[in-house]
């Protein structure tokens, strides 16, 4: 199940929960109506073969309605769960797409943060703060490399000049050392 997307997993869990709720409510409703009809039949024994037939017809109709309405309600609830999960995960997908675009060359880019002050907002804010820290570290590293490069240019240039001068005329091994 972990290979399924989060949206699908949320929808499946929502559908399962709704199926349980609908089954429990349907069972309670069916048993409650059956008990009420049985009490009415017991209260008026004079019309009990006819009342029993009406009771059975009423319960059969109710069962039919539950067997048709229950799955329809479950399908609608599952669709609502699917849409709700999609709406809730939309900002996460937007952040993921932007994160895929950010590189060392686009260090100023940040993740979009939804306006709602919820968990997704806090996640986006935290990730943007992390990007700020990484950006600062990258700037420090680039500054260090530039400074080190500058500091090494003068001694290297001096050494190169000395070597070029040394190679202009033949020298003994002692002179070269």
N, C-alpha and C. Protein backbone atom coordinates (compact mmCIF):
# COMPACT_ATOMS: atom_id res chain seq x y z
N UNK A 1 0.82 -1.20 0.00
CA UNK A 1 0.00 0.00 0.00
C UNK A 1 0.86 1.25 0.00
N UNK A 2 2.11 1.13 0.47
CA UNK A 2 2.97 2.30 0.52
C UNK A 2 3.41 2.77 -0.87
N UNK A 3 3.20 1.95 -1.89
CA UNK A 3 3.54 2.36 -3.25
C UNK A 3 2.46 3.24 -3.86
N UNK A 4 1.28 3.25 -3.24
CA UNK A 4 0.20 4.10 -3.73
C UNK A 4 0.45 5.53 -3.30
N UNK A 5 -0.07 6.46 -4.09
CA UNK A 5 0.12 7.87 -3.74
C UNK A 5 -0.62 8.18 -2.44
N UNK A 6 -0.19 9.24 -1.81
CA UNK A 6 -0.82 9.65 -0.56
C UNK A 6 -2.28 9.98 -0.78
N UNK A 7 -2.58 10.60 -1.91
CA UNK A 7 -3.98 10.94 -2.23
C UNK A 7 -4.84 9.68 -2.31
N UNK A 8 -4.34 8.66 -2.95
CA UNK A 8 -5.10 7.41 -3.08
C UNK A 8 -5.24 6.74 -1.72
N UNK A 9 -4.15 6.72 -0.94
CA UNK A 9 -4.23 6.10 0.39
C UNK A 9 -5.24 6.82 1.28
N UNK A 10 -5.21 8.15 1.25
CA UNK A 10 -6.19 8.91 2.05
C UNK A 10 -7.61 8.61 1.60
N UNK A 11 -7.81 8.56 0.29
CA UNK A 11 -9.14 8.28 -0.24
C UNK A 11 -9.61 6.88 0.14
N UNK A 12 -8.70 5.90 0.09
CA UNK A 12 -9.07 4.53 0.47
C UNK A 12 -9.43 4.42 1.95
N UNK A 13 -8.66 5.08 2.80
CA UNK A 13 -8.95 5.06 4.23
C UNK A 13 -10.30 5.75 4.48
N UNK A 14 -10.52 6.87 3.81
CA UNK A 14 -11.79 7.59 3.96
C UNK A 14 -12.95 6.71 3.49
N UNK A 15 -12.77 6.02 2.37
CA UNK A 15 -13.82 5.14 1.83
C UNK A 15 -14.10 3.99 2.80
N UNK A 16 -13.05 3.41 3.36
CA UNK A 16 -13.22 2.32 4.32
C UNK A 16 -13.98 2.80 5.55
N UNK A 17 -13.60 3.96 6.08
CA UNK A 17 -14.28 4.51 7.25
C UNK A 17 -15.74 4.79 6.94
N UNK A 18 -16.00 5.35 5.76
CA UNK A 18 -17.39 5.64 5.39
C UNK A 18 -18.18 4.35 5.18
N UNK A 19 -17.57 3.32 4.64
CA UNK A 19 -18.25 2.04 4.46
C UNK A 19 -18.66 1.46 5.81
N UNK A 20 -17.75 1.54 6.77
CA UNK A 20 -18.07 1.04 8.12
C UNK A 20 -19.20 1.85 8.73
N UNK A 21 -19.12 3.18 8.62
CA UNK A 21 -20.17 4.04 9.18
C UNK A 21 -21.52 3.74 8.51
N UNK A 22 -21.52 3.65 7.19
CA UNK A 22 -22.78 3.38 6.48
C UNK A 22 -23.34 2.01 6.83
N UNK A 23 -22.48 1.00 6.97
CA UNK A 23 -22.94 -0.34 7.34
C UNK A 23 -23.53 -0.34 8.75
N UNK A 24 -22.85 0.33 9.67
CA UNK A 24 -23.35 0.38 11.06
C UNK A 24 -24.67 1.14 11.11
N UNK A 25 -24.72 2.31 10.47
CA UNK A 25 -25.96 3.10 10.48
C UNK A 25 -27.09 2.35 9.78
N UNK A 26 -26.79 1.72 8.66
CA UNK A 26 -27.81 0.95 7.94
C UNK A 26 -28.34 -0.21 8.78
N UNK A 27 -27.45 -0.91 9.45
CA UNK A 27 -27.86 -2.03 10.32
C UNK A 27 -28.72 -1.54 11.47
N UNK A 28 -28.29 -0.47 12.11
CA UNK A 28 -29.07 0.09 13.23
C UNK A 28 -30.44 0.55 12.75
N UNK A 29 -30.47 1.22 11.59
CA UNK A 29 -31.73 1.68 11.04
C UNK A 29 -32.65 0.49 10.71
N UNK A 30 -32.13 -0.51 10.06
CA UNK A 30 -32.92 -1.68 9.70
C UNK A 30 -33.47 -2.37 10.94
N UNK A 31 -32.58 -2.62 11.92
CA UNK A 31 -33.03 -3.30 13.14
C UNK A 31 -34.02 -2.45 13.93
N UNK A 32 -33.80 -1.14 13.93
CA UNK A 32 -34.73 -0.24 14.63
C UNK A 32 -36.11 -0.24 14.01
N UNK A 33 -36.16 -0.17 12.69
CA UNK A 33 -37.46 -0.21 12.00
C UNK A 33 -38.13 -1.57 12.22
N UNK A 34 -37.36 -2.64 12.15
CA UNK A 34 -37.92 -3.98 12.37
C UNK A 34 -38.49 -4.09 13.78
N UNK A 35 -37.76 -3.58 14.77
CA UNK A 35 -38.25 -3.64 16.15
C UNK A 35 -39.51 -2.80 16.33
N UNK A 36 -39.54 -1.61 15.72
CA UNK A 36 -40.72 -0.75 15.83
C UNK A 36 -41.93 -1.43 15.19
N UNK A 37 -41.74 -2.02 14.04
CA UNK A 37 -42.85 -2.72 13.38
C UNK A 37 -43.31 -3.92 14.20
N UNK A 38 -42.37 -4.66 14.78
CA UNK A 38 -42.73 -5.80 15.62
C UNK A 38 -43.53 -5.35 16.84
N UNK A 39 -43.13 -4.23 17.44
CA UNK A 39 -43.88 -3.69 18.59
C UNK A 39 -45.29 -3.28 18.20
N UNK A 40 -45.43 -2.69 17.00
CA UNK A 40 -46.76 -2.30 16.54
C UNK A 40 -47.64 -3.51 16.27
N UNK A 41 -47.04 -4.54 15.75
CA UNK A 41 -47.80 -5.77 15.48
C UNK A 41 -48.23 -6.40 16.80
N UNK A 42 -47.32 -6.42 17.78
CA UNK A 42 -47.65 -7.00 19.08
C UNK A 42 -48.72 -6.21 19.80
N UNK A 43 -48.78 -4.91 19.56
CA UNK A 43 -49.78 -4.06 20.23
C UNK A 43 -51.18 -4.27 19.65
N UNK A 44 -51.26 -4.69 18.42
CA UNK A 44 -52.58 -4.94 17.82
C UNK A 44 -52.61 -6.32 17.20
N UNK A 45 -52.88 -7.35 18.04
CA UNK A 45 -52.81 -8.73 17.57
C UNK A 45 -53.92 -9.10 16.59
N UNK A 46 -54.95 -8.30 16.48
CA UNK A 46 -56.05 -8.65 15.59
C UNK A 46 -55.62 -8.63 14.13
N UNK A 47 -54.66 -7.81 13.76
CA UNK A 47 -54.24 -7.69 12.37
C UNK A 47 -52.83 -8.23 12.16
N UNK A 48 -52.45 -9.28 12.93
CA UNK A 48 -51.09 -9.79 12.91
C UNK A 48 -50.75 -10.45 11.59
N UNK A 49 -51.50 -11.81 10.25
CA UNK A 49 -50.95 -12.36 9.04
C UNK A 49 -50.54 -11.28 8.15
N UNK A 50 -51.77 -10.08 8.08
CA UNK A 50 -51.59 -8.89 7.20
C UNK A 50 -50.42 -8.04 7.65
N UNK A 51 -50.31 -7.68 8.98
CA UNK A 51 -49.27 -6.82 9.51
C UNK A 51 -47.89 -7.45 9.28
N UNK A 52 -47.83 -8.77 9.41
CA UNK A 52 -46.53 -9.44 9.19
C UNK A 52 -46.11 -9.29 7.72
N UNK A 53 -47.03 -9.41 6.82
CA UNK A 53 -46.71 -9.26 5.39
C UNK A 53 -46.29 -7.83 5.08
N UNK A 54 -46.99 -6.86 5.67
CA UNK A 54 -46.62 -5.45 5.46
C UNK A 54 -45.25 -5.16 6.07
N UNK A 55 -45.02 -5.75 7.25
CA UNK A 55 -43.71 -5.59 7.91
C UNK A 55 -42.61 -6.11 7.01
N UNK A 56 -42.80 -7.31 6.47
CA UNK A 56 -41.79 -7.92 5.61
C UNK A 56 -41.57 -7.10 4.33
N UNK A 57 -42.65 -6.57 3.77
CA UNK A 57 -42.54 -5.73 2.58
C UNK A 57 -41.80 -4.42 2.91
N UNK A 58 -42.16 -3.83 4.06
CA UNK A 58 -41.50 -2.59 4.48
C UNK A 58 -40.01 -2.82 4.69
N UNK A 59 -39.68 -3.91 5.37
CA UNK A 59 -38.26 -4.22 5.61
C UNK A 59 -37.53 -4.55 4.31
N UNK A 60 -38.19 -5.22 3.38
CA UNK A 60 -37.56 -5.53 2.09
C UNK A 60 -37.32 -4.24 1.31
N UNK A 61 -38.29 -3.33 1.36
CA UNK A 61 -38.12 -2.04 0.68
C UNK A 61 -36.97 -1.26 1.31
N UNK A 62 -36.95 -1.23 2.65
CA UNK A 62 -35.88 -0.54 3.36
C UNK A 62 -34.52 -1.15 3.02
N UNK A 63 -34.44 -2.46 3.01
CA UNK A 63 -33.19 -3.13 2.68
C UNK A 63 -32.74 -2.79 1.25
N UNK A 64 -33.69 -2.79 0.34
CA UNK A 64 -33.37 -2.41 -1.04
C UNK A 64 -32.84 -0.99 -1.14
N UNK A 65 -33.49 -0.08 -0.42
CA UNK A 65 -33.03 1.32 -0.41
C UNK A 65 -31.62 1.43 0.19
N UNK A 66 -31.38 0.69 1.27
CA UNK A 66 -30.06 0.72 1.89
C UNK A 66 -28.99 0.12 0.97
N UNK A 67 -29.36 -0.95 0.26
CA UNK A 67 -28.39 -1.59 -0.64
C UNK A 67 -28.10 -0.75 -1.89
N UNK A 68 -29.01 0.11 -2.27
CA UNK A 68 -28.78 1.01 -3.40
C UNK A 68 -28.19 2.33 -2.92
N UNK A 69 -28.80 2.87 -1.88
CA UNK A 69 -28.37 4.18 -1.38
C UNK A 69 -27.01 4.14 -0.69
N UNK A 70 -26.74 3.05 0.01
CA UNK A 70 -25.46 2.93 0.71
C UNK A 70 -24.26 3.02 -0.22
N UNK A 71 -24.20 2.19 -1.27
CA UNK A 71 -23.08 2.28 -2.21
C UNK A 71 -23.02 3.64 -2.93
N UNK A 72 -24.20 4.20 -3.24
CA UNK A 72 -24.20 5.52 -3.89
C UNK A 72 -23.62 6.57 -2.93
N UNK A 73 -24.03 6.53 -1.67
CA UNK A 73 -23.49 7.46 -0.68
C UNK A 73 -21.99 7.23 -0.49
N UNK A 74 -21.60 5.96 -0.50
CA UNK A 74 -20.18 5.63 -0.36
C UNK A 74 -19.38 6.18 -1.54
N UNK A 75 -19.92 6.03 -2.75
CA UNK A 75 -19.22 6.54 -3.94
C UNK A 75 -19.09 8.06 -3.87
N UNK A 76 -20.16 8.75 -3.48
CA UNK A 76 -20.10 10.20 -3.35
C UNK A 76 -19.12 10.63 -2.27
N UNK A 77 -19.14 9.94 -1.14
CA UNK A 77 -18.22 10.28 -0.05
C UNK A 77 -16.77 10.02 -0.46
N UNK A 78 -16.53 8.94 -1.20
CA UNK A 78 -15.18 8.64 -1.67
C UNK A 78 -14.70 9.69 -2.66
N UNK A 79 -15.59 10.10 -3.56
CA UNK A 79 -15.25 11.16 -4.51
C UNK A 79 -14.93 12.46 -3.75
N UNK A 80 -15.73 12.77 -2.75
CA UNK A 80 -15.47 13.97 -1.94
C UNK A 80 -14.11 13.85 -1.23
N UNK A 81 -13.80 12.67 -0.72
CA UNK A 81 -12.50 12.45 -0.08
C UNK A 81 -11.36 12.60 -1.06
N UNK A 82 -11.53 12.08 -2.28
CA UNK A 82 -10.52 12.19 -3.33
C UNK A 82 -10.27 13.67 -3.67
N UNK A 83 -11.35 14.42 -3.85
CA UNK A 83 -11.22 15.84 -4.18
C UNK A 83 -10.61 16.63 -3.02
N UNK A 84 -11.03 16.31 -1.82
CA UNK A 84 -10.49 17.00 -0.64
C UNK A 84 -8.99 16.71 -0.48
N UNK A 85 -8.60 15.45 -0.67
CA UNK A 85 -7.18 15.10 -0.57
C UNK A 85 -6.37 15.82 -1.65
N UNK A 86 -6.94 15.91 -2.85
CA UNK A 86 -6.26 16.63 -3.93
C UNK A 86 -6.09 18.10 -3.61
N UNK A 87 -7.14 18.71 -3.06
CA UNK A 87 -7.05 20.13 -2.70
C UNK A 87 -6.04 20.35 -1.57
N UNK A 88 -6.02 19.44 -0.62
CA UNK A 88 -5.10 19.58 0.51
C UNK A 88 -3.65 19.36 0.08
N UNK A 89 -3.43 18.49 -0.90
CA UNK A 89 -2.06 18.17 -1.33
C UNK A 89 -1.58 19.04 -2.49
N UNK A 90 -2.45 19.87 -3.03
CA UNK A 90 -2.05 20.76 -4.13
C UNK A 90 -0.86 21.64 -3.79
N UNK A 91 -0.87 22.31 -2.63
CA UNK A 91 0.30 23.13 -2.28
C UNK A 91 1.58 22.32 -2.12
N UNK A 92 1.47 21.09 -1.67
CA UNK A 92 2.65 20.24 -1.53
C UNK A 92 3.23 19.94 -2.92
N UNK A 93 2.37 19.67 -3.87
CA UNK A 93 2.83 19.41 -5.23
C UNK A 93 3.47 20.65 -5.84
N UNK A 94 2.91 21.83 -5.56
CA UNK A 94 3.50 23.08 -6.06
C UNK A 94 4.89 23.28 -5.46
N UNK A 95 5.04 22.99 -4.17
CA UNK A 95 6.35 23.10 -3.53
C UNK A 95 7.33 22.10 -4.13
N UNK A 96 6.87 20.88 -4.40
CA UNK A 96 7.74 19.85 -4.97
C UNK A 96 8.24 20.26 -6.35
N UNK A 97 7.33 20.80 -7.18
CA UNK A 97 7.73 21.23 -8.53
C UNK A 97 8.76 22.35 -8.46
N UNK A 98 8.54 23.33 -7.57
CA UNK A 98 9.49 24.44 -7.45
C UNK A 98 10.82 23.93 -6.91
N UNK A 99 10.79 23.03 -5.95
CA UNK A 99 12.03 22.49 -5.38
C UNK A 99 12.84 21.78 -6.45
N UNK A 100 12.17 21.13 -7.40
CA UNK A 100 12.88 20.44 -8.48
C UNK A 100 13.59 21.43 -9.40
N UNK A 101 13.10 22.67 -9.45
CA UNK A 101 13.69 23.68 -10.32
C UNK A 101 14.86 24.42 -9.67
N UNK A 102 14.95 24.38 -8.34
CA UNK A 102 15.98 25.14 -7.64
C UNK A 102 17.33 24.43 -7.76
N UNK A 103 18.37 25.21 -8.10
CA UNK A 103 19.71 24.65 -8.22
C UNK A 103 20.71 25.67 -7.69
N UNK A 104 21.97 25.37 -7.81
CA UNK A 104 23.02 26.28 -7.34
C UNK A 104 23.00 27.58 -8.14
N UNK A 105 22.47 27.54 -9.36
CA UNK A 105 22.41 28.74 -10.18
C UNK A 105 21.18 29.59 -9.86
N UNK A 106 20.16 29.00 -9.24
CA UNK A 106 18.92 29.73 -8.93
C UNK A 106 18.73 29.80 -7.43
N UNK A 107 19.76 30.25 -6.74
CA UNK A 107 19.73 30.20 -5.28
C UNK A 107 18.70 31.15 -4.67
N UNK A 108 18.27 32.17 -5.37
CA UNK A 108 17.29 33.10 -4.81
C UNK A 108 15.87 32.57 -4.83
N UNK A 109 15.64 31.48 -5.52
CA UNK A 109 14.29 30.91 -5.64
C UNK A 109 13.85 30.33 -4.31
N UNK A 110 12.58 30.44 -4.02
CA UNK A 110 12.01 29.87 -2.80
C UNK A 110 10.73 29.12 -3.16
N UNK A 111 10.29 28.28 -2.24
CA UNK A 111 9.09 27.47 -2.44
C UNK A 111 7.85 28.33 -2.21
N UNK A 112 6.79 28.07 -2.98
CA UNK A 112 5.55 28.80 -2.73
C UNK A 112 4.93 28.32 -1.41
N UNK A 113 4.47 29.26 -0.61
CA UNK A 113 3.88 28.94 0.69
C UNK A 113 2.41 29.35 0.64
N UNK A 114 1.49 28.42 0.96
CA UNK A 114 0.07 28.78 0.93
C UNK A 114 -0.25 29.82 2.01
N UNK A 115 -1.31 30.57 1.77
CA UNK A 115 -1.69 31.63 2.69
C UNK A 115 -2.23 31.08 4.01
N UNK A 116 -2.88 29.94 3.95
CA UNK A 116 -3.46 29.36 5.17
C UNK A 116 -2.35 29.04 6.17
N UNK A 117 -2.58 29.35 7.41
CA UNK A 117 -1.57 29.11 8.46
C UNK A 117 -1.74 27.69 9.00
N UNK A 118 -1.42 26.70 8.18
CA UNK A 118 -1.60 25.30 8.58
C UNK A 118 -0.27 24.57 8.50
N UNK A 119 -0.33 23.25 8.55
CA UNK A 119 0.88 22.44 8.55
C UNK A 119 1.67 22.61 7.25
N UNK A 120 0.97 22.75 6.14
CA UNK A 120 1.64 22.92 4.85
C UNK A 120 2.36 24.27 4.82
N UNK A 121 1.74 25.30 5.37
CA UNK A 121 2.37 26.62 5.47
C UNK A 121 3.66 26.54 6.30
N UNK A 122 3.54 25.85 7.44
CA UNK A 122 4.72 25.73 8.31
C UNK A 122 5.83 24.91 7.62
N UNK A 123 5.45 23.87 6.89
CA UNK A 123 6.44 23.08 6.15
C UNK A 123 7.14 23.95 5.12
N UNK A 124 6.37 24.70 4.33
CA UNK A 124 6.96 25.57 3.32
C UNK A 124 7.88 26.62 3.94
N UNK A 125 7.44 27.20 5.06
CA UNK A 125 8.26 28.21 5.74
C UNK A 125 9.56 27.59 6.24
N UNK A 126 9.47 26.42 6.82
CA UNK A 126 10.67 25.73 7.33
C UNK A 126 11.62 25.39 6.19
N UNK A 127 11.10 24.89 5.08
CA UNK A 127 11.95 24.55 3.94
C UNK A 127 12.58 25.80 3.33
N UNK A 128 11.83 26.91 3.28
CA UNK A 128 12.41 28.16 2.76
C UNK A 128 13.51 28.67 3.69
N UNK A 129 13.33 28.52 5.00
CA UNK A 129 14.38 28.91 5.93
C UNK A 129 15.63 28.04 5.73
N UNK A 130 15.42 26.75 5.46
CA UNK A 130 16.54 25.86 5.18
C UNK A 130 17.25 26.31 3.89
N UNK A 131 16.47 26.68 2.87
CA UNK A 131 17.06 27.16 1.63
C UNK A 131 17.85 28.45 1.87
N UNK A 132 17.36 29.31 2.76
CA UNK A 132 18.10 30.53 3.12
C UNK A 132 19.45 30.18 3.73
N UNK A 133 19.45 29.19 4.65
CA UNK A 133 20.70 28.78 5.28
C UNK A 133 21.66 28.17 4.26
N UNK A 134 21.15 27.34 3.37
CA UNK A 134 21.99 26.73 2.33
C UNK A 134 22.53 27.81 1.39
N UNK A 135 21.69 28.78 1.06
CA UNK A 135 22.10 29.88 0.19
C UNK A 135 23.22 30.69 0.86
N UNK A 136 23.08 30.97 2.15
CA UNK A 136 24.10 31.71 2.88
C UNK A 136 25.41 30.91 2.91
N UNK A 137 25.33 29.61 3.13
CA UNK A 137 26.52 28.77 3.13
C UNK A 137 27.19 28.75 1.76
N UNK A 138 26.39 28.69 0.72
CA UNK A 138 26.94 28.69 -0.64
C UNK A 138 27.62 30.02 -0.95
N UNK A 139 27.01 31.14 -0.50
CA UNK A 139 27.64 32.45 -0.70
C UNK A 139 28.97 32.53 0.06
N UNK A 140 28.98 32.02 1.31
CA UNK A 140 30.23 32.02 2.08
C UNK A 140 31.29 31.19 1.37
N UNK A 141 30.92 30.04 0.86
CA UNK A 141 31.88 29.18 0.16
C UNK A 141 32.42 29.87 -1.09
N UNK A 142 31.54 30.50 -1.86
CA UNK A 142 31.99 31.21 -3.06
C UNK A 142 32.92 32.38 -2.70
N UNK A 143 32.58 33.09 -1.63
CA UNK A 143 33.42 34.20 -1.18
C UNK A 143 34.80 33.68 -0.75
N UNK A 144 34.81 32.55 -0.05
CA UNK A 144 36.07 31.95 0.39
C UNK A 144 36.93 31.56 -0.81
N UNK A 145 36.31 30.92 -1.79
CA UNK A 145 37.05 30.49 -2.98
C UNK A 145 37.59 31.71 -3.73
N UNK A 146 36.78 32.77 -3.84
CA UNK A 146 37.24 33.98 -4.52
C UNK A 146 38.39 34.62 -3.75
N UNK A 147 38.27 34.70 -2.42
CA UNK A 147 39.34 35.27 -1.60
C UNK A 147 40.61 34.44 -1.70
N UNK A 148 40.47 33.11 -1.61
CA UNK A 148 41.63 32.23 -1.69
C UNK A 148 42.28 32.36 -3.06
N UNK A 149 41.48 32.45 -4.08
CA UNK A 149 42.01 32.60 -5.44
C UNK A 149 42.79 33.90 -5.56
N UNK A 150 42.25 34.96 -5.01
CA UNK A 150 42.92 36.25 -5.05
C UNK A 150 44.24 36.21 -4.27
N UNK A 151 44.18 35.60 -3.11
CA UNK A 151 45.38 35.52 -2.27
C UNK A 151 46.47 34.66 -2.92
N UNK A 152 46.11 33.69 -3.70
CA UNK A 152 47.11 32.81 -4.33
C UNK A 152 47.65 33.39 -5.63
N UNK A 153 46.96 34.32 -6.24
CA UNK A 153 47.40 34.86 -7.53
C UNK A 153 48.75 35.57 -7.42
N UNK A 154 48.93 36.39 -6.41
CA UNK A 154 50.18 37.15 -6.29
C UNK A 154 51.38 36.23 -6.11
N UNK A 155 51.38 35.30 -5.15
CA UNK A 155 52.55 34.41 -5.02
C UNK A 155 52.79 33.56 -6.27
N UNK A 156 51.70 33.12 -6.91
CA UNK A 156 51.87 32.31 -8.12
C UNK A 156 52.44 33.14 -9.26
N UNK A 157 51.97 34.36 -9.38
CA UNK A 157 52.50 35.23 -10.43
C UNK A 157 53.98 35.51 -10.19
N UNK A 158 54.35 35.75 -8.95
CA UNK A 158 55.75 35.99 -8.61
C UNK A 158 56.60 34.76 -8.93
N UNK A 159 56.11 33.59 -8.55
CA UNK A 159 56.83 32.36 -8.82
C UNK A 159 56.97 32.12 -10.32
N UNK A 160 55.92 32.39 -11.07
CA UNK A 160 55.97 32.21 -12.52
C UNK A 160 56.99 33.15 -13.15
N UNK A 161 57.04 34.38 -12.68
CA UNK A 161 58.02 35.35 -13.19
C UNK A 161 59.44 34.88 -12.91
N UNK A 162 59.68 34.42 -11.70
CA UNK A 162 61.01 33.93 -11.34
C UNK A 162 61.42 32.75 -12.21
N UNK A 163 60.46 31.86 -12.46
CA UNK A 163 60.77 30.69 -13.30
C UNK A 163 61.06 31.11 -14.73
N UNK A 164 60.31 32.06 -15.25
CA UNK A 164 60.54 32.53 -16.61
C UNK A 164 61.92 33.19 -16.73
N UNK A 165 62.27 33.98 -15.71
CA UNK A 165 63.60 34.62 -15.71
C UNK A 165 64.70 33.57 -15.62
N UNK A 166 64.47 32.54 -14.83
CA UNK A 166 65.48 31.50 -14.67
C UNK A 166 65.70 30.73 -15.95
N UNK A 167 64.66 30.61 -16.77
CA UNK A 167 64.78 29.84 -18.01
C UNK A 167 65.33 30.67 -19.18
N UNK A 168 65.55 31.94 -19.02
CA UNK A 168 66.00 32.80 -20.12
C UNK A 168 67.46 32.51 -20.52
N UNK A 169 68.27 32.16 -19.58
CA UNK A 169 69.66 31.84 -19.92
C UNK A 169 70.05 30.56 -19.19
N UNK A 170 70.97 29.81 -19.72
CA UNK A 170 71.37 28.56 -19.10
C UNK A 170 72.08 28.82 -17.77
N UNK A 171 71.76 27.99 -16.80
CA UNK A 171 72.36 28.12 -15.47
C UNK A 171 72.84 26.73 -15.02
N UNK A 172 73.74 26.77 -14.07
CA UNK A 172 74.22 25.51 -13.50
C UNK A 172 73.16 25.01 -12.54
N UNK A 173 73.31 23.77 -12.16
CA UNK A 173 72.34 23.17 -11.24
C UNK A 173 72.34 23.90 -9.90
N UNK A 174 73.52 24.35 -9.46
CA UNK A 174 73.61 25.09 -8.20
C UNK A 174 72.87 26.43 -8.30
N UNK A 175 73.04 27.11 -9.44
CA UNK A 175 72.36 28.39 -9.64
C UNK A 175 70.83 28.20 -9.68
N UNK A 176 70.41 27.15 -10.35
CA UNK A 176 68.96 26.92 -10.43
C UNK A 176 68.37 26.60 -9.07
N UNK A 177 69.14 25.89 -8.23
CA UNK A 177 68.62 25.59 -6.90
C UNK A 177 68.54 26.86 -6.10
